[in-house]
Protein backbone atom coordinates (compact mmCIF):
# COMPACT_ATOMS: atom_id res chain seq x y z
CA MET A 1 -59.56 19.28 9.34
CA THR A 2 -58.45 22.85 9.90
CA GLU A 3 -55.44 24.16 7.88
CA LEU A 4 -53.32 24.24 11.19
CA ALA A 5 -53.66 20.82 11.65
CA VAL A 6 -52.92 19.91 7.83
CA GLU A 7 -49.58 22.05 8.19
CA ARG A 8 -48.43 20.39 11.55
CA PHE A 9 -48.33 17.10 10.02
CA ARG A 10 -47.19 17.61 6.63
CA PRO A 11 -44.50 15.57 5.30
CA VAL A 12 -41.19 16.18 4.05
CA THR A 13 -39.98 13.86 1.69
CA LEU A 14 -36.11 13.39 1.59
CA SER A 15 -33.91 11.56 -1.26
CA VAL A 16 -30.75 10.36 -1.61
CA ARG A 17 -29.24 10.13 -5.01
CA SER A 18 -25.78 8.38 -5.49
CA TRP A 19 -24.79 10.19 -8.96
CA HIS A 20 -21.31 10.79 -8.13
CA ALA A 21 -18.32 11.89 -10.55
CA ALA A 22 -14.66 12.00 -9.98
CA PRO A 23 -12.96 15.14 -9.62
CA ALA A 24 -11.37 14.98 -13.18
CA ALA A 25 -15.24 14.86 -14.68
CA GLU A 26 -15.02 18.79 -13.80
CA LEU A 27 -12.86 19.23 -16.71
CA LEU A 28 -15.63 17.50 -19.22
CA ARG A 29 -18.37 20.19 -18.53
CA GLU A 30 -16.70 23.30 -20.60
CA PRO A 31 -16.16 21.32 -23.68
CA LEU A 32 -20.01 20.93 -23.73
CA LYS A 33 -20.60 24.38 -24.91
CA ASP A 34 -18.64 22.90 -28.04
CA MET A 35 -21.09 20.35 -28.67
CA GLU A 36 -22.92 20.20 -32.21
CA LEU A 37 -26.45 19.77 -30.49
CA CYS A 38 -29.36 22.14 -30.45
CA ARG A 39 -29.67 24.83 -27.72
CA ALA A 40 -32.15 23.32 -25.80
CA PRO A 41 -30.99 19.55 -25.69
CA LEU A 42 -27.36 21.13 -24.97
CA ARG A 43 -28.84 23.16 -22.00
CA ARG A 44 -30.45 20.27 -20.58
CA LEU A 45 -27.15 18.17 -21.22
CA ARG A 46 -24.99 20.84 -19.14
CA ARG A 47 -28.03 21.05 -16.18
CA GLU A 48 -27.69 17.31 -15.75
CA PHE A 49 -23.86 17.25 -15.61
CA ASP A 50 -23.84 20.11 -13.08
CA ARG A 51 -25.95 18.34 -10.94
CA ILE A 52 -23.98 15.00 -11.38
CA LEU A 53 -21.02 17.42 -10.25
CA LEU A 54 -22.57 18.88 -7.62
CA MET A 55 -23.83 15.76 -5.39
CA ALA A 56 -21.50 13.97 -3.79
CA SER A 57 -21.67 10.44 -2.03
CA GLY A 58 -19.75 7.56 -0.98
CA LYS A 59 -18.66 4.86 1.14
CA SER A 60 -16.96 5.90 4.45
CA ALA A 61 -13.20 5.30 5.04
CA TYR A 62 -14.16 2.64 7.50
CA LEU A 63 -16.54 0.54 5.47
CA SER A 64 -13.83 1.03 2.33
CA GLU A 65 -11.25 -0.60 4.77
CA LYS A 66 -13.41 -3.34 5.75
CA VAL A 67 -14.58 -3.97 2.22
CA LYS A 68 -10.97 -4.14 0.89
CA ASN A 69 -9.87 -6.42 3.74
CA GLU A 70 -12.44 -8.83 3.57
CA VAL A 71 -12.44 -9.17 -0.22
CA LEU A 72 -8.56 -9.68 -0.10
CA GLY A 73 -7.45 -11.06 2.68
CA ALA A 74 -10.54 -12.79 3.77
CA VAL A 75 -10.67 -10.64 6.97
CA ALA A 76 -14.24 -11.02 8.07
CA PHE A 77 -16.71 -8.16 8.33
CA GLY A 78 -19.78 -8.51 10.47
CA ALA A 79 -22.16 -6.14 9.24
CA PRO A 80 -24.09 -4.16 12.07
CA ALA A 81 -27.59 -5.61 13.30
CA THR A 82 -29.06 -2.30 13.22
CA VAL A 83 -28.45 0.60 10.84
CA TYR A 84 -28.93 4.33 12.03
CA PHE A 85 -29.75 7.04 9.16
CA ALA A 86 -28.77 10.67 10.33
CA LEU A 87 -29.14 14.20 9.11
CA TRP A 88 -26.21 16.51 8.73
CA THR A 89 -25.87 20.43 8.47
CA THR A 90 -22.67 20.69 6.54
CA ALA A 91 -22.61 22.10 3.20
CA ALA A 92 -23.49 19.97 0.24
CA GLY A 93 -20.36 18.41 -1.29
CA THR A 94 -18.53 18.20 2.16
CA ASP A 95 -16.55 14.62 2.12
CA MET A 96 -18.02 12.63 4.74
CA ASP A 97 -16.00 9.76 4.65
CA GLY A 98 -14.36 10.25 7.85
CA PHE A 99 -17.37 10.93 10.08
CA VAL A 100 -17.68 9.54 13.32
CA GLY A 101 -20.90 9.77 15.80
CA ASN A 102 -19.45 13.11 17.32
CA THR A 103 -18.40 14.80 14.35
CA ALA A 104 -19.91 18.47 14.32
CA GLY A 105 -22.98 19.25 12.35
CA GLU A 106 -25.56 16.68 13.25
CA VAL A 107 -28.82 17.87 13.50
CA SER A 108 -30.10 18.41 16.98
CA GLY A 109 -32.87 19.53 19.17
CA GLY A 110 -36.69 19.43 18.10
CA ALA A 111 -37.07 15.60 18.75
CA TYR A 112 -34.79 14.74 16.06
CA ASP A 113 -32.87 11.70 16.49
CA ARG A 114 -31.60 9.21 14.03
CA VAL A 115 -33.62 6.23 12.72
CA ALA A 116 -32.88 2.99 13.56
CA LYS A 117 -33.31 0.05 11.27
CA THR A 118 -33.00 -3.84 11.53
CA ASN A 119 -30.28 -4.30 9.17
CA ASN A 120 -32.15 -7.11 7.33
CA THR A 121 -33.69 -7.87 4.08
CA THR A 122 -37.05 -7.00 4.98
CA ASN A 123 -35.70 -3.54 5.08
CA PHE A 124 -32.96 -3.58 2.66
CA ALA A 125 -34.13 -6.32 -0.16
CA SER A 126 -31.22 -8.19 -1.87
CA ILE A 127 -30.06 -7.36 -5.19
CA THR A 128 -28.33 -8.65 -8.21
CA GLY A 129 -25.03 -6.97 -9.69
CA ASP A 130 -24.71 -3.38 -10.22
CA ALA A 131 -28.04 -3.02 -9.41
CA ALA A 132 -28.93 0.16 -6.77
CA LYS A 133 -29.33 -1.22 -3.15
CA VAL A 134 -32.45 1.03 -1.56
CA ASN A 135 -34.82 0.96 1.51
CA SER A 136 -37.63 -1.52 0.96
CA ASN A 137 -39.76 0.44 3.72
CA ALA A 138 -39.95 4.11 4.64
CA ILE A 139 -37.23 5.56 6.81
CA THR A 140 -39.07 8.05 9.19
CA PHE A 141 -37.70 10.70 11.61
CA ALA A 142 -40.08 11.87 14.79
CA THR A 143 -42.14 14.86 14.02
CA ALA A 144 -40.15 18.08 14.48
CA THR A 145 -41.19 19.87 17.80
CA ALA A 146 -39.32 22.73 16.68
CA ASN A 147 -37.14 23.83 13.48
CA TRP A 148 -34.31 22.10 12.69
CA ASN A 149 -30.92 23.37 11.60
CA GLY A 150 -33.06 26.83 12.71
CA GLY A 151 -35.28 26.59 9.96
CA SER A 152 -32.34 26.56 7.20
CA ALA A 153 -31.81 23.49 4.40
CA ILE A 154 -30.39 20.35 5.75
CA PRO A 155 -28.30 19.44 2.92
CA GLN A 156 -26.66 15.67 3.90
CA SER A 157 -27.30 12.72 5.39
CA ILE A 158 -25.54 9.44 6.66
CA VAL A 159 -25.55 5.94 7.80
CA PHE A 160 -24.20 4.79 10.92
CA ASP A 161 -23.60 1.41 12.49
CA GLY A 162 -24.26 2.94 16.30
CA ASN A 163 -26.49 5.89 17.99
CA LEU A 164 -24.08 6.33 20.82
CA LYS A 165 -23.26 9.99 19.54
CA THR A 166 -19.72 9.30 20.24
CA ALA A 167 -16.64 8.42 18.14
CA ALA A 168 -17.92 4.63 18.56
CA ASP A 169 -20.52 5.17 15.75
CA ASN A 170 -18.89 4.53 12.24
CA GLY A 171 -20.20 6.17 9.09
CA LEU A 172 -20.83 3.64 6.49
CA VAL A 173 -22.29 5.07 3.60
CA TRP A 174 -23.15 9.14 3.13
CA GLY A 175 -24.49 11.18 0.25
CA ASP A 176 -26.08 14.96 -0.45
CA LEU A 177 -29.69 14.94 -0.36
CA THR A 178 -30.84 15.33 -4.05
CA THR A 179 -32.40 18.72 -2.75
CA ALA A 180 -31.33 20.19 0.52
CA ARG A 181 -34.70 20.09 2.65
CA ILE A 182 -36.12 22.43 5.35
CA VAL A 183 -37.67 20.91 8.34
CA LEU A 184 -40.02 22.87 10.30
CA ASN A 185 -41.88 22.57 13.83
CA GLY A 186 -44.74 20.02 12.94
CA ASP A 187 -42.94 18.44 9.90
CA THR A 188 -42.15 14.59 9.74
CA ALA A 189 -38.97 14.10 7.34
CA SER A 190 -38.99 10.45 5.69
CA TRP A 191 -37.46 8.52 2.56
CA ALA A 192 -40.24 6.74 1.07
CA THR A 193 -39.59 3.71 0.07
CA SER A 194 -36.58 3.32 -2.55
CA ASP A 195 -35.71 7.07 -2.27
CA PHE A 196 -32.53 6.08 -0.31
CA SER A 197 -30.40 5.04 -2.86
CA TRP A 198 -26.63 3.57 -2.97
CA THR A 199 -24.80 2.44 -6.28
CA GLU A 200 -21.28 1.96 -6.97
CA GLU A 201 -19.44 -0.12 -9.74
């Protein structure tokens, strides 16, 4: 196999982690410098704290409304039969809770399209308690036929209940990628099993 062939089909692994702190948590970072810890552990603690603060994620306003009305009011919510995973070029930390299918910033061109997954326990195994909800199978995009986002890093993702690319597509959950990723011509972006993780309490 030639080096070119390896380059064209190299995978680009995506990951979404759901660490998410309320804005008030920013007030806690500064006192870390006064903690009585050795320099190395304190440096690691500050680095991890920064990582938590800089990563945003959450349920959309649409899904939050549906859950609240079902839990208190018994207004039934019918989960979509298929969910669609999308990539967004907005800056990391952008609040995506009001995004719909035609909100500006979705990746386009180069054979990009959302990834459809049947919404069942084969693809998203049932959980117990506060366990993270993760993908039970890989979520793999089409191989790029041109550089996505002009070769710049892609920082965010969102899951929709449709793929019309209109306001009829409701956002469900969204988040920053753990590391913003570049997807170039010939790359195949994917989340490996369990790499798309949704937690909340």
